[in-house]
Every structure is written in structure tokens, then in C-alpha cells.
C-alpha atoms as a PDB file:
ATOM      1  CA  MET A   1      86.505  75.757 135.767  1.00  0.00           C
ATOM      2  CA  ASN A   2      85.491  79.187 134.483  1.00  0.00           C
ATOM      3  CA  GLU A   3      82.191  79.210 132.574  1.00  0.00           C
ATOM      4  CA  ALA A   4      83.702  81.343 129.777  1.00  0.00           C
ATOM      5  CA  ILE A   5      86.495  78.789 129.343  1.00  0.00           C
ATOM      6  CA  LYS A   6      83.926  75.980 129.111  1.00  0.00           C
ATOM      7  CA  VAL A   7      82.129  77.881 126.347  1.00  0.00           C
ATOM      8  CA  GLU A   8      85.385  78.390 124.413  1.00  0.00           C
ATOM      9  CA  ILE A   9      86.240  74.705 124.708  1.00  0.00           C
ATOM     10  CA  ASP A  10      82.757  73.722 123.515  1.00  0.00           C
ATOM     11  CA  LYS A  11      83.167  76.040 120.500  1.00  0.00           C
ATOM     12  CA  ALA A  12      86.548  74.523 119.719  1.00  0.00           C
ATOM     13  CA  VAL A  13      85.195  70.961 119.960  1.00  0.00           C
ATOM     14  CA  CYS A  14      82.277  71.833 117.669  1.00  0.00           C
ATOM     15  CA  ALA A  15      84.577  73.473 115.125  1.00  0.00           C
ATOM     16  CA  ILE A  16      86.936  70.489 115.113  1.00  0.00           C
ATOM     17  CA  LYS A  17      84.044  68.049 114.661  1.00  0.00           C
ATOM     18  CA  GLN A  18      82.631  70.113 111.791  1.00  0.00           C
ATOM     19  CA  SER A  19      85.973  70.669 110.071  1.00  0.00           C
ATOM     20  CA  ILE A  20      87.978  67.781 108.661  1.00  0.00           C
ATOM     21  CA  GLN A  21      90.658  70.069 107.210  1.00  0.00           C
ATOM     22  CA  PRO A  22      93.776  69.939 109.448  1.00  0.00           C
ATOM     23  CA  GLN A  23      94.731  73.536 108.690  1.00  0.00           C
ATOM     24  CA  LYS A  24      91.414  74.858 109.965  1.00  0.00           C
ATOM     25  CA  ILE A  25      91.665  72.692 113.067  1.00  0.00           C
ATOM     26  CA  TYR A  26      95.216  73.905 113.718  1.00  0.00           C
ATOM     27  CA  LEU A  27      94.317  77.566 113.229  1.00  0.00           C
ATOM     28  CA  PHE A  28      91.246  77.323 115.438  1.00  0.00           C
ATOM     29  CA  ALA A  29      93.097  75.398 118.147  1.00  0.00           C
ATOM     30  CA  SER A  30      96.010  77.834 118.215  1.00  0.00           C
ATOM     31  CA  HIS A  31      93.568  80.760 118.337  1.00  0.00           C
ATOM     32  CA  ALA A  32      91.715  79.147 121.238  1.00  0.00           C
ATOM     33  CA  VAL A  33      94.964  78.486 123.116  1.00  0.00           C
ATOM     34  CA  TYR A  34      96.136  82.099 122.753  1.00  0.00           C
ATOM     35  CA  ALA A  35      92.662  83.361 123.751  1.00  0.00           C
ATOM     36  CA  LEU A  36      92.597  81.170 126.872  1.00  0.00           C
ATOM     37  CA  LEU A  37      96.202  81.528 128.069  1.00  0.00           C
ATOM     38  CA  PRO A  38      95.787  85.020 129.601  1.00  0.00           C
ATOM     39  CA  ARG A  39      92.631  83.906 131.441  1.00  0.00           C
ATOM     40  CA  CYS A  40      94.289  80.773 132.796  1.00  0.00           C
ATOM     41  CA  MET A  41      97.386  82.638 133.968  1.00  0.00           C
ATOM     42  CA  ALA A  42      95.534  85.635 135.431  1.00  0.00           C
END
């Protein structure tokens, strides 16, 4: 797995753990998915 992708996943996990609000989790998760998709498909 790409090191940059690992870092993004770690950031997402930290943000989800720190944020109980579902909207923030959803927004962050969707942002992470759109950020990672081009890298995964490249």
C-alpha cells in the first residue's frame, strides 16, 4: 500500500475518533474517498 494512502487513512481514522458528529464524519470520509480515488485508479 502507498505510504501517502496510509497517511490519509490514519488522518481519517483520527478525525472520526475525535468527531462524534455524523455530518463531520460523512464530509471527511467523502473528501478522503474523492482524494484517494484518483491515486488508487492511476
